Amino acid sequence: MKIDVITQAAIKMVGEKTIYFDPYLIKDEYHDADYIFITHDHYDHYDEESINNIKKDNTKIILPMCLKDKPNNLVVEPNKEYEIDNIKFKTIPSYNLEKPFHPREKEYVGYLIELEGLTYYIMGDTDVTSEALEIRPDVCFVPIGGKFTMDYLEAVDYINKIKPKKVIPIHYGSIIGDITLGKEFKEKINNNIEVEIKIGG
């Protein structure tokens, strides 16, 4: 599986299929997306220009409830299991504990998705919630920028607790969080967890 973090929390995964999560600031026309998953409706996660530049005629778009009126193939709710074209995934609630930016009642989601024998947890914009602490993915995309999400030290503590095989830090280096945060995060992660820096590496 080839993985890129384009910017912020925009993830592109290329394997048997090409899958995007929260595409953002994609200015070139690729039209290569088989699937597009969106975690919530903020501009740096649901970017219509980027979606139009990557979708093709048969692209499947998966949206949370807050975007149910936008073009889609599937609308998802938190704490549910889904399957689309033999791709199985669960939706994990994604929310802030004390900050006002991502209220739990908005029903924003993260995705725990099974691809080619591995489980990937794309957390969305979240703090360290009780639901997140229950997940044991092979690969975790964790936000570390702070303010709108957990900060990098909270993310370090979280990842060292759940112990994925690999972690990829996201949501820093542009809107919030210095570009060096990825390296600072990596230095504090337990040695038995692989850290792959895609932003500012």
N, C-alpha and C. Protein backbone atom coordinates (compact mmCIF):
# COMPACT_ATOMS: atom_id res chain seq x y z
N MET A 1 0.85 -1.20 0.00
CA MET A 1 0.00 0.00 0.00
C MET A 1 0.89 1.25 0.00
N LYS A 2 0.70 2.09 -1.00
CA LYS A 2 1.43 3.36 -1.05
C LYS A 2 0.57 4.43 -0.39
N ILE A 3 1.16 5.14 0.57
CA ILE A 3 0.42 6.12 1.35
C ILE A 3 1.08 7.49 1.23
N ASP A 4 0.27 8.52 0.96
CA ASP A 4 0.74 9.90 0.97
C ASP A 4 -0.20 10.72 1.85
N VAL A 5 0.39 11.66 2.58
CA VAL A 5 -0.40 12.70 3.24
C VAL A 5 -0.16 13.97 2.44
N ILE A 6 -1.18 14.41 1.72
CA ILE A 6 -1.00 15.49 0.74
C ILE A 6 -0.78 16.81 1.46
N THR A 7 -1.62 17.12 2.38
CA THR A 7 -1.46 18.26 3.29
C THR A 7 -2.52 18.14 4.37
N GLN A 8 -2.23 18.71 5.55
CA GLN A 8 -3.19 18.71 6.64
C GLN A 8 -3.61 17.28 7.00
N ALA A 9 -4.84 16.89 6.68
CA ALA A 9 -5.31 15.53 6.98
C ALA A 9 -5.73 14.81 5.71
N ALA A 10 -5.28 15.28 4.57
CA ALA A 10 -5.64 14.68 3.29
C ALA A 10 -4.74 13.48 3.01
N ILE A 11 -5.34 12.31 3.00
CA ILE A 11 -4.60 11.05 2.87
C ILE A 11 -4.97 10.39 1.55
N LYS A 12 -3.96 9.87 0.87
CA LYS A 12 -4.18 9.09 -0.35
C LYS A 12 -3.53 7.73 -0.17
N MET A 13 -4.32 6.69 -0.37
CA MET A 13 -3.83 5.32 -0.23
C MET A 13 -4.04 4.60 -1.56
N VAL A 14 -2.97 4.06 -2.10
CA VAL A 14 -3.04 3.39 -3.40
C VAL A 14 -2.59 1.94 -3.24
N GLY A 15 -3.51 1.05 -3.49
CA GLY A 15 -3.22 -0.38 -3.49
C GLY A 15 -4.05 -1.01 -4.59
N GLU A 16 -4.87 -1.97 -4.23
CA GLU A 16 -5.79 -2.54 -5.22
C GLU A 16 -6.77 -1.47 -5.71
N LYS A 17 -7.10 -0.53 -4.83
CA LYS A 17 -7.96 0.60 -5.17
C LYS A 17 -7.26 1.89 -4.73
N THR A 18 -7.72 3.02 -5.26
CA THR A 18 -7.21 4.33 -4.84
C THR A 18 -8.24 4.99 -3.96
N ILE A 19 -7.85 5.25 -2.71
CA ILE A 19 -8.77 5.75 -1.70
C ILE A 19 -8.23 7.06 -1.12
N TYR A 20 -9.09 8.04 -1.03
CA TYR A 20 -8.74 9.33 -0.40
C TYR A 20 -9.57 9.50 0.87
N PHE A 21 -8.95 10.12 1.85
CA PHE A 21 -9.65 10.58 3.04
C PHE A 21 -9.44 12.08 3.17
N ASP A 22 -10.54 12.81 3.32
CA ASP A 22 -10.50 14.26 3.54
C ASP A 22 -9.58 15.00 2.56
N PRO A 23 -9.78 14.82 1.25
CA PRO A 23 -8.92 15.52 0.28
C PRO A 23 -9.02 17.03 0.44
N TYR A 24 -7.86 17.69 0.36
CA TYR A 24 -7.81 19.13 0.62
C TYR A 24 -6.66 19.73 -0.18
N LEU A 25 -6.92 20.88 -0.79
CA LEU A 25 -5.92 21.63 -1.57
C LEU A 25 -5.29 20.79 -2.68
N ILE A 26 -6.11 19.99 -3.34
CA ILE A 26 -5.65 19.25 -4.52
C ILE A 26 -6.03 20.07 -5.74
N LYS A 27 -5.03 20.72 -6.33
CA LYS A 27 -5.28 21.68 -7.40
C LYS A 27 -5.22 21.05 -8.79
N ASP A 28 -4.51 19.94 -8.92
CA ASP A 28 -4.40 19.27 -10.22
C ASP A 28 -5.53 18.27 -10.40
N GLU A 29 -5.86 17.99 -11.65
CA GLU A 29 -6.93 17.04 -11.95
C GLU A 29 -6.34 15.64 -12.13
N TYR A 30 -6.70 14.75 -11.22
CA TYR A 30 -6.22 13.36 -11.28
C TYR A 30 -7.33 12.40 -11.70
N HIS A 31 -8.51 12.62 -11.18
CA HIS A 31 -9.67 11.77 -11.50
C HIS A 31 -9.32 10.29 -11.36
N ASP A 32 -8.72 9.96 -10.24
CA ASP A 32 -8.25 8.60 -10.00
C ASP A 32 -8.87 7.94 -8.76
N ALA A 33 -9.78 8.63 -8.10
CA ALA A 33 -10.32 8.11 -6.83
C ALA A 33 -11.37 7.04 -7.08
N ASP A 34 -11.14 5.88 -6.47
CA ASP A 34 -12.19 4.86 -6.45
C ASP A 34 -13.16 5.13 -5.31
N TYR A 35 -12.61 5.62 -4.19
CA TYR A 35 -13.42 5.93 -3.02
C TYR A 35 -12.91 7.22 -2.38
N ILE A 36 -13.85 8.01 -1.86
CA ILE A 36 -13.52 9.21 -1.09
C ILE A 36 -14.28 9.13 0.23
N PHE A 37 -13.55 9.14 1.33
CA PHE A 37 -14.14 9.12 2.66
C PHE A 37 -13.95 10.50 3.31
N ILE A 38 -15.00 11.04 3.88
CA ILE A 38 -14.95 12.34 4.55
C ILE A 38 -15.29 12.16 6.03
N THR A 39 -14.52 12.79 6.91
CA THR A 39 -14.76 12.65 8.35
C THR A 39 -15.73 13.69 8.89
N HIS A 40 -15.69 14.92 8.34
CA HIS A 40 -16.61 15.96 8.80
C HIS A 40 -16.61 17.14 7.84
N ASP A 41 -17.38 18.16 8.16
CA ASP A 41 -17.71 19.20 7.18
C ASP A 41 -16.84 20.44 7.22
N HIS A 42 -15.78 20.48 8.00
CA HIS A 42 -14.91 21.66 8.01
C HIS A 42 -14.15 21.79 6.69
N TYR A 43 -13.82 23.02 6.32
CA TYR A 43 -13.31 23.30 4.97
C TYR A 43 -12.03 22.53 4.63
N ASP A 44 -11.22 22.22 5.66
CA ASP A 44 -9.96 21.52 5.40
C ASP A 44 -10.15 20.00 5.40
N HIS A 45 -11.39 19.55 5.44
CA HIS A 45 -11.70 18.12 5.38
C HIS A 45 -12.70 17.81 4.27
N TYR A 46 -13.66 18.71 4.10
CA TYR A 46 -14.59 18.58 2.97
C TYR A 46 -14.35 19.76 2.03
N ASP A 47 -13.58 19.50 0.98
CA ASP A 47 -13.15 20.52 0.03
C ASP A 47 -13.67 20.12 -1.34
N GLU A 48 -14.73 20.80 -1.79
CA GLU A 48 -15.39 20.39 -3.03
C GLU A 48 -14.49 20.50 -4.25
N GLU A 49 -13.62 21.49 -4.27
CA GLU A 49 -12.70 21.61 -5.41
C GLU A 49 -11.79 20.38 -5.49
N SER A 50 -11.27 19.97 -4.38
CA SER A 50 -10.41 18.78 -4.37
C SER A 50 -11.19 17.53 -4.78
N ILE A 51 -12.40 17.40 -4.26
CA ILE A 51 -13.23 16.24 -4.62
C ILE A 51 -13.47 16.21 -6.12
N ASN A 52 -13.79 17.36 -6.70
CA ASN A 52 -14.03 17.41 -8.15
C ASN A 52 -12.78 17.09 -8.95
N ASN A 53 -11.61 17.37 -8.40
CA ASN A 53 -10.36 17.11 -9.12
C ASN A 53 -9.90 15.66 -9.02
N ILE A 54 -10.46 14.90 -8.10
CA ILE A 54 -10.03 13.50 -7.97
C ILE A 54 -11.11 12.50 -8.34
N LYS A 55 -12.36 12.91 -8.34
CA LYS A 55 -13.42 11.92 -8.61
C LYS A 55 -13.50 11.62 -10.10
N LYS A 56 -14.00 10.43 -10.39
CA LYS A 56 -14.28 10.02 -11.76
C LYS A 56 -15.73 9.56 -11.83
N ASP A 57 -16.15 9.01 -12.96
CA ASP A 57 -17.57 8.71 -13.13
C ASP A 57 -18.09 7.71 -12.11
N ASN A 58 -17.26 6.75 -11.70
CA ASN A 58 -17.74 5.70 -10.81
C ASN A 58 -17.16 5.79 -9.40
N THR A 59 -16.64 6.95 -9.02
CA THR A 59 -16.13 7.14 -7.65
C THR A 59 -17.26 7.01 -6.64
N LYS A 60 -17.00 6.30 -5.55
CA LYS A 60 -17.95 6.19 -4.45
C LYS A 60 -17.55 7.19 -3.36
N ILE A 61 -18.49 8.01 -2.91
CA ILE A 61 -18.24 9.03 -1.90
C ILE A 61 -18.99 8.67 -0.62
N ILE A 62 -18.25 8.61 0.49
CA ILE A 62 -18.81 8.24 1.79
C ILE A 62 -18.75 9.47 2.69
N LEU A 63 -19.90 9.89 3.21
CA LEU A 63 -20.02 11.13 3.98
C LEU A 63 -20.65 10.87 5.34
N PRO A 64 -20.31 11.71 6.34
CA PRO A 64 -21.01 11.65 7.62
C PRO A 64 -22.36 12.37 7.54
N MET A 65 -23.15 12.25 8.61
CA MET A 65 -24.50 12.80 8.63
C MET A 65 -24.55 14.30 8.37
N CYS A 66 -23.54 15.04 8.83
CA CYS A 66 -23.55 16.49 8.66
C CYS A 66 -23.47 16.93 7.20
N LEU A 67 -23.13 15.98 6.32
CA LEU A 67 -23.01 16.29 4.89
C LEU A 67 -24.00 15.48 4.05
N LYS A 68 -25.06 15.00 4.68
CA LYS A 68 -25.97 14.07 4.00
C LYS A 68 -26.64 14.65 2.76
N ASP A 69 -26.70 15.99 2.68
CA ASP A 69 -27.34 16.61 1.52
C ASP A 69 -26.39 16.83 0.35
N LYS A 70 -25.13 16.51 0.54
CA LYS A 70 -24.14 16.61 -0.54
C LYS A 70 -24.13 15.32 -1.35
N PRO A 71 -23.64 15.37 -2.61
CA PRO A 71 -23.61 14.15 -3.43
C PRO A 71 -22.84 13.03 -2.74
N ASN A 72 -23.44 11.85 -2.68
CA ASN A 72 -22.80 10.74 -1.98
C ASN A 72 -23.35 9.40 -2.44
N ASN A 73 -22.63 8.37 -2.07
CA ASN A 73 -23.08 7.00 -2.28
C ASN A 73 -23.45 6.30 -0.98
N LEU A 74 -22.99 6.88 0.14
CA LEU A 74 -23.28 6.29 1.44
C LEU A 74 -23.13 7.37 2.51
N VAL A 75 -24.12 7.48 3.39
CA VAL A 75 -24.05 8.38 4.54
C VAL A 75 -23.91 7.51 5.79
N VAL A 76 -22.92 7.87 6.63
CA VAL A 76 -22.61 7.02 7.78
C VAL A 76 -22.84 7.74 9.10
N GLU A 77 -23.09 6.95 10.12
CA GLU A 77 -23.26 7.44 11.48
C GLU A 77 -22.17 6.84 12.35
N PRO A 78 -21.86 7.47 13.48
CA PRO A 78 -20.84 6.92 14.38
C PRO A 78 -21.27 5.57 14.97
N ASN A 79 -20.26 4.79 15.32
CA ASN A 79 -20.48 3.51 16.02
C ASN A 79 -21.26 2.50 15.19
N LYS A 80 -21.00 2.49 13.89
CA LYS A 80 -21.67 1.53 13.01
C LYS A 80 -20.64 0.78 12.18
N GLU A 81 -21.04 -0.39 11.69
CA GLU A 81 -20.22 -1.16 10.77
C GLU A 81 -20.85 -1.11 9.39
N TYR A 82 -19.99 -0.95 8.37
CA TYR A 82 -20.47 -0.84 7.00
C TYR A 82 -19.62 -1.69 6.06
N GLU A 83 -20.16 -1.92 4.89
CA GLU A 83 -19.41 -2.57 3.82
C GLU A 83 -19.83 -1.96 2.50
N ILE A 84 -18.84 -1.57 1.70
CA ILE A 84 -19.11 -1.03 0.37
C ILE A 84 -18.16 -1.70 -0.61
N ASP A 85 -18.71 -2.40 -1.58
CA ASP A 85 -17.89 -3.12 -2.57
C ASP A 85 -16.84 -4.01 -1.91
N ASN A 86 -17.24 -4.75 -0.89
CA ASN A 86 -16.35 -5.69 -0.17
C ASN A 86 -15.30 -4.99 0.69
N ILE A 87 -15.36 -3.68 0.84
CA ILE A 87 -14.49 -2.97 1.79
C ILE A 87 -15.26 -2.81 3.09
N LYS A 88 -14.72 -3.40 4.15
CA LYS A 88 -15.39 -3.34 5.45
C LYS A 88 -14.77 -2.22 6.30
N PHE A 89 -15.63 -1.48 6.98
CA PHE A 89 -15.11 -0.43 7.86
C PHE A 89 -16.09 -0.14 8.98
N LYS A 90 -15.56 0.42 10.05
CA LYS A 90 -16.35 0.87 11.19
C LYS A 90 -16.20 2.38 11.32
N THR A 91 -17.21 3.02 11.84
CA THR A 91 -17.13 4.46 12.09
C THR A 91 -16.94 4.68 13.59
N ILE A 92 -15.91 5.43 13.93
CA ILE A 92 -15.56 5.72 15.31
C ILE A 92 -15.91 7.19 15.60
N PRO A 93 -16.63 7.47 16.68
CA PRO A 93 -16.94 8.87 16.99
C PRO A 93 -15.66 9.72 17.08
N SER A 94 -15.73 10.91 16.53
CA SER A 94 -14.58 11.81 16.48
C SER A 94 -15.04 13.16 17.04
N TYR A 95 -14.49 13.54 18.21
CA TYR A 95 -15.00 14.74 18.86
C TYR A 95 -14.00 15.29 19.88
N ASN A 96 -14.24 16.53 20.29
CA ASN A 96 -13.44 17.16 21.33
C ASN A 96 -14.07 16.90 22.70
N LEU A 97 -13.20 16.79 23.70
CA LEU A 97 -13.67 16.57 25.06
C LEU A 97 -14.08 17.88 25.74
N GLU A 98 -13.27 18.91 25.59
CA GLU A 98 -13.56 20.19 26.25
C GLU A 98 -13.52 21.37 25.30
N LYS A 99 -12.98 21.19 24.11
CA LYS A 99 -12.93 22.28 23.13
C LYS A 99 -14.26 22.37 22.40
N PRO A 100 -14.56 23.53 21.79
CA PRO A 100 -15.87 23.70 21.14
C PRO A 100 -15.90 23.33 19.66
N PHE A 101 -14.78 22.94 19.08
CA PHE A 101 -14.68 22.88 17.61
C PHE A 101 -15.37 21.66 17.00
N HIS A 102 -15.36 20.54 17.70
CA HIS A 102 -15.92 19.30 17.16
C HIS A 102 -16.83 18.67 18.23
N PRO A 103 -18.03 19.21 18.40
CA PRO A 103 -18.93 18.68 19.43
C PRO A 103 -19.38 17.25 19.10
N ARG A 104 -19.54 16.47 20.12
CA ARG A 104 -19.94 15.07 19.91
C ARG A 104 -21.29 14.97 19.19
N GLU A 105 -22.20 15.90 19.47
CA GLU A 105 -23.54 15.82 18.88
C GLU A 105 -23.55 16.06 17.37
N LYS A 106 -22.45 16.55 16.82
CA LYS A 106 -22.36 16.73 15.36
C LYS A 106 -22.21 15.40 14.61
N GLU A 107 -21.84 14.36 15.33
CA GLU A 107 -21.71 13.01 14.76
C GLU A 107 -20.63 12.93 13.69
N TYR A 108 -19.51 13.62 13.95
CA TYR A 108 -18.33 13.46 13.10
C TYR A 108 -17.74 12.07 13.33
N VAL A 109 -17.00 11.59 12.34
CA VAL A 109 -16.50 10.21 12.44
C VAL A 109 -15.02 10.10 12.08
N GLY A 110 -14.41 9.07 12.62
CA GLY A 110 -13.17 8.53 12.11
C GLY A 110 -13.50 7.19 11.47
N TYR A 111 -12.54 6.63 10.74
CA TYR A 111 -12.79 5.38 10.03
C TYR A 111 -11.76 4.33 10.43
N LEU A 112 -12.24 3.16 10.80
CA LEU A 112 -11.39 1.99 11.00
C LEU A 112 -11.69 1.07 9.83
N ILE A 113 -10.75 0.99 8.90
CA ILE A 113 -11.00 0.35 7.62
C ILE A 113 -10.02 -0.79 7.38
N GLU A 114 -10.53 -1.86 6.83
CA GLU A 114 -9.72 -3.05 6.56
C GLU A 114 -9.36 -3.08 5.08
N LEU A 115 -8.05 -3.03 4.81
CA LEU A 115 -7.57 -3.00 3.43
C LEU A 115 -6.39 -3.95 3.27
N GLU A 116 -6.53 -4.90 2.39
CA GLU A 116 -5.42 -5.79 2.03
C GLU A 116 -4.77 -6.42 3.27
N GLY A 117 -5.61 -6.86 4.19
CA GLY A 117 -5.13 -7.60 5.34
C GLY A 117 -4.68 -6.79 6.53
N LEU A 118 -4.78 -5.46 6.46
CA LEU A 118 -4.40 -4.60 7.58
C LEU A 118 -5.56 -3.69 7.94
N THR A 119 -5.59 -3.25 9.20
CA THR A 119 -6.59 -2.28 9.63
C THR A 119 -5.95 -0.91 9.79
N TYR A 120 -6.61 0.10 9.24
CA TYR A 120 -6.13 1.48 9.27
C TYR A 120 -7.16 2.32 10.01
N TYR A 121 -6.67 3.11 10.96
CA TYR A 121 -7.56 4.00 11.72
C TYR A 121 -7.25 5.44 11.33
N ILE A 122 -8.17 6.04 10.60
CA ILE A 122 -8.07 7.45 10.23
C ILE A 122 -8.95 8.19 11.24
N MET A 123 -8.34 8.92 12.17
CA MET A 123 -9.03 9.38 13.36
C MET A 123 -9.95 10.57 13.13
N GLY A 124 -9.69 11.38 12.10
CA GLY A 124 -10.43 12.63 11.98
C GLY A 124 -9.94 13.62 13.03
N ASP A 125 -10.71 14.68 13.23
CA ASP A 125 -10.34 15.71 14.21
C ASP A 125 -10.92 15.32 15.57
N THR A 126 -10.07 14.86 16.46
CA THR A 126 -10.55 14.31 17.71
C THR A 126 -9.54 14.51 18.83
N ASP A 127 -10.04 14.42 20.03
CA ASP A 127 -9.18 14.28 21.20
C ASP A 127 -9.04 12.79 21.51
N VAL A 128 -8.37 12.49 22.60
CA VAL A 128 -8.24 11.10 23.02
C VAL A 128 -9.52 10.72 23.76
N THR A 129 -10.42 10.09 23.06
CA THR A 129 -11.73 9.74 23.60
C THR A 129 -11.72 8.30 24.11
N SER A 130 -12.75 7.95 24.86
CA SER A 130 -12.86 6.57 25.35
C SER A 130 -13.00 5.59 24.19
N GLU A 131 -13.70 6.02 23.14
CA GLU A 131 -13.86 5.14 21.97
C GLU A 131 -12.52 4.92 21.26
N ALA A 132 -11.73 5.99 21.14
CA ALA A 132 -10.43 5.87 20.47
C ALA A 132 -9.49 4.95 21.24
N LEU A 133 -9.59 4.96 22.55
CA LEU A 133 -8.72 4.12 23.37
C LEU A 133 -9.01 2.63 23.23
N GLU A 134 -10.17 2.30 22.68
CA GLU A 134 -10.53 0.90 22.50
C GLU A 134 -10.02 0.32 21.18
N ILE A 135 -9.54 1.16 20.28
CA ILE A 135 -9.15 0.71 18.94
C ILE A 135 -7.73 0.15 18.97
N ARG A 136 -7.52 -0.95 18.25
CA ARG A 136 -6.19 -1.56 18.13
C ARG A 136 -5.87 -1.78 16.65
N PRO A 137 -5.55 -0.70 15.94
CA PRO A 137 -5.30 -0.82 14.50
C PRO A 137 -3.87 -1.26 14.22
N ASP A 138 -3.65 -1.71 13.00
CA ASP A 138 -2.28 -1.95 12.54
C ASP A 138 -1.58 -0.63 12.25
N VAL A 139 -2.32 0.30 11.64
CA VAL A 139 -1.77 1.60 11.26
C VAL A 139 -2.73 2.68 11.75
N CYS A 140 -2.19 3.71 12.39
CA CYS A 140 -3.03 4.80 12.92
C CYS A 140 -2.57 6.14 12.35
N PHE A 141 -3.51 6.90 11.81
CA PHE A 141 -3.27 8.27 11.38
C PHE A 141 -3.79 9.18 12.49
N VAL A 142 -2.87 9.78 13.24
CA VAL A 142 -3.25 10.50 14.45
C VAL A 142 -3.02 12.00 14.28
N PRO A 143 -4.01 12.85 14.62
CA PRO A 143 -3.80 14.30 14.55
C PRO A 143 -2.95 14.76 15.72
N ILE A 144 -2.00 15.67 15.47
CA ILE A 144 -1.08 16.07 16.53
C ILE A 144 -0.95 17.59 16.68
N GLY A 145 -1.69 18.36 15.88
CA GLY A 145 -1.45 19.81 15.81
C GLY A 145 -1.89 20.61 17.01
N GLY A 146 -2.81 20.04 17.83
CA GLY A 146 -3.31 20.81 18.96
C GLY A 146 -4.40 21.79 18.55
N LYS A 147 -4.91 22.53 19.50
CA LYS A 147 -6.00 23.50 19.38
C LYS A 147 -7.30 22.83 18.94
N PHE A 148 -7.38 22.35 17.71
CA PHE A 148 -8.60 21.74 17.20
C PHE A 148 -8.67 20.24 17.52
N THR A 149 -7.53 19.65 17.85
CA THR A 149 -7.43 18.22 18.12
C THR A 149 -6.53 18.03 19.34
N MET A 150 -6.21 16.79 19.64
CA MET A 150 -5.18 16.53 20.63
C MET A 150 -3.87 17.17 20.19
N ASP A 151 -3.00 17.51 21.15
CA ASP A 151 -1.68 18.03 20.78
C ASP A 151 -0.70 16.86 20.68
N TYR A 152 0.54 17.15 20.32
CA TYR A 152 1.46 16.06 20.01
C TYR A 152 1.83 15.24 21.22
N LEU A 153 1.84 15.86 22.39
CA LEU A 153 2.16 15.09 23.60
C LEU A 153 1.00 14.18 23.99
N GLU A 154 -0.22 14.66 23.83
CA GLU A 154 -1.38 13.80 24.05
C GLU A 154 -1.40 12.65 23.04
N ALA A 155 -1.01 12.97 21.81
CA ALA A 155 -0.96 11.94 20.77
C ALA A 155 0.11 10.89 21.07
N VAL A 156 1.25 11.33 21.58
CA VAL A 156 2.31 10.40 21.98
C VAL A 156 1.78 9.43 23.03
N ASP A 157 1.16 9.96 24.05
CA ASP A 157 0.64 9.12 25.13
C ASP A 157 -0.39 8.14 24.59
N TYR A 158 -1.26 8.61 23.72
CA TYR A 158 -2.30 7.76 23.13
C TYR A 158 -1.69 6.61 22.31
N ILE A 159 -0.77 6.95 21.43
CA ILE A 159 -0.18 5.92 20.57
C ILE A 159 0.62 4.91 21.39
N ASN A 160 1.35 5.36 22.38
CA ASN A 160 2.10 4.43 23.22
C ASN A 160 1.17 3.50 24.01
N LYS A 161 -0.07 3.92 24.23
CA LYS A 161 -1.04 3.07 24.91
C LYS A 161 -1.65 2.03 23.98
N ILE A 162 -2.06 2.44 22.77
CA ILE A 162 -2.76 1.49 21.90
C ILE A 162 -1.81 0.63 21.08
N LYS A 163 -0.55 1.07 20.92
CA LYS A 163 0.51 0.25 20.33
C LYS A 163 0.20 -0.28 18.92
N PRO A 164 -0.07 0.59 17.96
CA PRO A 164 -0.20 0.11 16.58
C PRO A 164 1.16 -0.33 16.05
N LYS A 165 1.14 -1.07 14.96
CA LYS A 165 2.41 -1.43 14.31
C LYS A 165 3.09 -0.19 13.72
N LYS A 166 2.26 0.70 13.18
CA LYS A 166 2.79 1.92 12.55
C LYS A 166 1.88 3.09 12.87
N VAL A 167 2.47 4.28 13.02
CA VAL A 167 1.69 5.49 13.20
C VAL A 167 2.17 6.55 12.22
N ILE A 168 1.22 7.29 11.66
CA ILE A 168 1.52 8.39 10.74
C ILE A 168 0.85 9.64 11.30
N PRO A 169 1.62 10.61 11.80
CA PRO A 169 1.02 11.83 12.34
C PRO A 169 0.50 12.74 11.23
N ILE A 170 -0.64 13.37 11.49
CA ILE A 170 -1.28 14.26 10.51
C ILE A 170 -1.81 15.50 11.23
N HIS A 171 -2.41 16.40 10.46
CA HIS A 171 -3.10 17.60 10.97
C HIS A 171 -2.12 18.53 11.69
N TYR A 172 -1.05 18.85 11.00
CA TYR A 172 -0.09 19.85 11.49
C TYR A 172 0.69 20.35 10.28
N GLY A 173 1.43 21.43 10.50
CA GLY A 173 2.33 21.92 9.45
C GLY A 173 1.73 22.89 8.46
N SER A 174 0.43 23.20 8.58
CA SER A 174 -0.15 24.19 7.66
C SER A 174 -1.08 25.12 8.43
N ILE A 175 -2.28 24.69 8.75
CA ILE A 175 -3.24 25.56 9.44
C ILE A 175 -2.86 25.73 10.91
N ILE A 176 -2.46 24.64 11.54
CA ILE A 176 -2.10 24.67 12.95
C ILE A 176 -0.96 23.68 13.19
N GLY A 177 -0.04 24.03 14.09
CA GLY A 177 1.02 23.10 14.44
C GLY A 177 2.25 23.28 13.56
N ASP A 178 3.37 23.52 14.18
CA ASP A 178 4.61 23.74 13.46
C ASP A 178 5.01 22.51 12.65
N ILE A 179 5.69 22.73 11.55
CA ILE A 179 6.11 21.65 10.66
C ILE A 179 7.06 20.66 11.36
N THR A 180 7.70 21.10 12.42
CA THR A 180 8.65 20.24 13.13
C THR A 180 7.95 19.29 14.11
N LEU A 181 6.65 19.41 14.30
CA LEU A 181 5.96 18.60 15.30
C LEU A 181 6.09 17.10 15.03
N GLY A 182 6.11 16.74 13.76
CA GLY A 182 6.22 15.32 13.42
C GLY A 182 7.48 14.69 13.98
N LYS A 183 8.58 15.40 13.86
CA LYS A 183 9.85 14.88 14.37
C LYS A 183 9.84 14.84 15.90
N GLU A 184 9.28 15.86 16.53
CA GLU A 184 9.19 15.86 17.99
C GLU A 184 8.32 14.72 18.48
N PHE A 185 7.23 14.47 17.78
CA PHE A 185 6.35 13.34 18.08
C PHE A 185 7.11 12.02 17.97
N LYS A 186 7.83 11.84 16.88
CA LYS A 186 8.54 10.59 16.63
C LYS A 186 9.55 10.28 17.73
N GLU A 187 10.21 11.30 18.23
CA GLU A 187 11.25 11.09 19.24
C GLU A 187 10.70 10.50 20.54
N LYS A 188 9.40 10.67 20.78
CA LYS A 188 8.82 10.23 22.06
C LYS A 188 8.01 8.94 21.93
N ILE A 189 7.92 8.41 20.73
CA ILE A 189 7.16 7.18 20.54
C ILE A 189 8.03 5.96 20.88
N ASN A 190 7.42 4.97 21.50
CA ASN A 190 8.15 3.76 21.86
C ASN A 190 8.84 3.15 20.65
N ASN A 191 10.01 2.59 20.88
CA ASN A 191 10.86 2.09 19.79
C ASN A 191 10.24 0.95 19.00
N ASN A 192 9.31 0.23 19.61
CA ASN A 192 8.71 -0.91 18.90
C ASN A 192 7.55 -0.50 18.00
N ILE A 193 7.27 0.79 17.93
CA ILE A 193 6.23 1.30 17.02
C ILE A 193 6.90 2.08 15.91
N GLU A 194 6.61 1.70 14.67
CA GLU A 194 7.18 2.41 13.52
C GLU A 194 6.46 3.75 13.32
N VAL A 195 7.24 4.81 13.16
CA VAL A 195 6.68 6.13 12.90
C VAL A 195 7.07 6.55 11.49
N GLU A 196 6.08 6.87 10.68
CA GLU A 196 6.35 7.31 9.31
C GLU A 196 5.92 8.76 9.17
N ILE A 197 6.89 9.63 8.93
CA ILE A 197 6.61 11.06 8.81
C ILE A 197 6.33 11.40 7.35
N LYS A 198 5.12 11.88 7.07
CA LYS A 198 4.74 12.25 5.71
C LYS A 198 4.65 13.76 5.52
N ILE A 199 4.57 14.51 6.62
CA ILE A 199 4.51 15.97 6.55
C ILE A 199 5.79 16.52 7.17
N GLY A 200 6.58 17.22 6.38
CA GLY A 200 7.81 17.83 6.90
C GLY A 200 8.90 16.81 7.24
N GLY A 201 8.84 15.65 6.59
CA GLY A 201 9.83 14.60 6.89
C GLY A 201 11.12 14.79 6.13
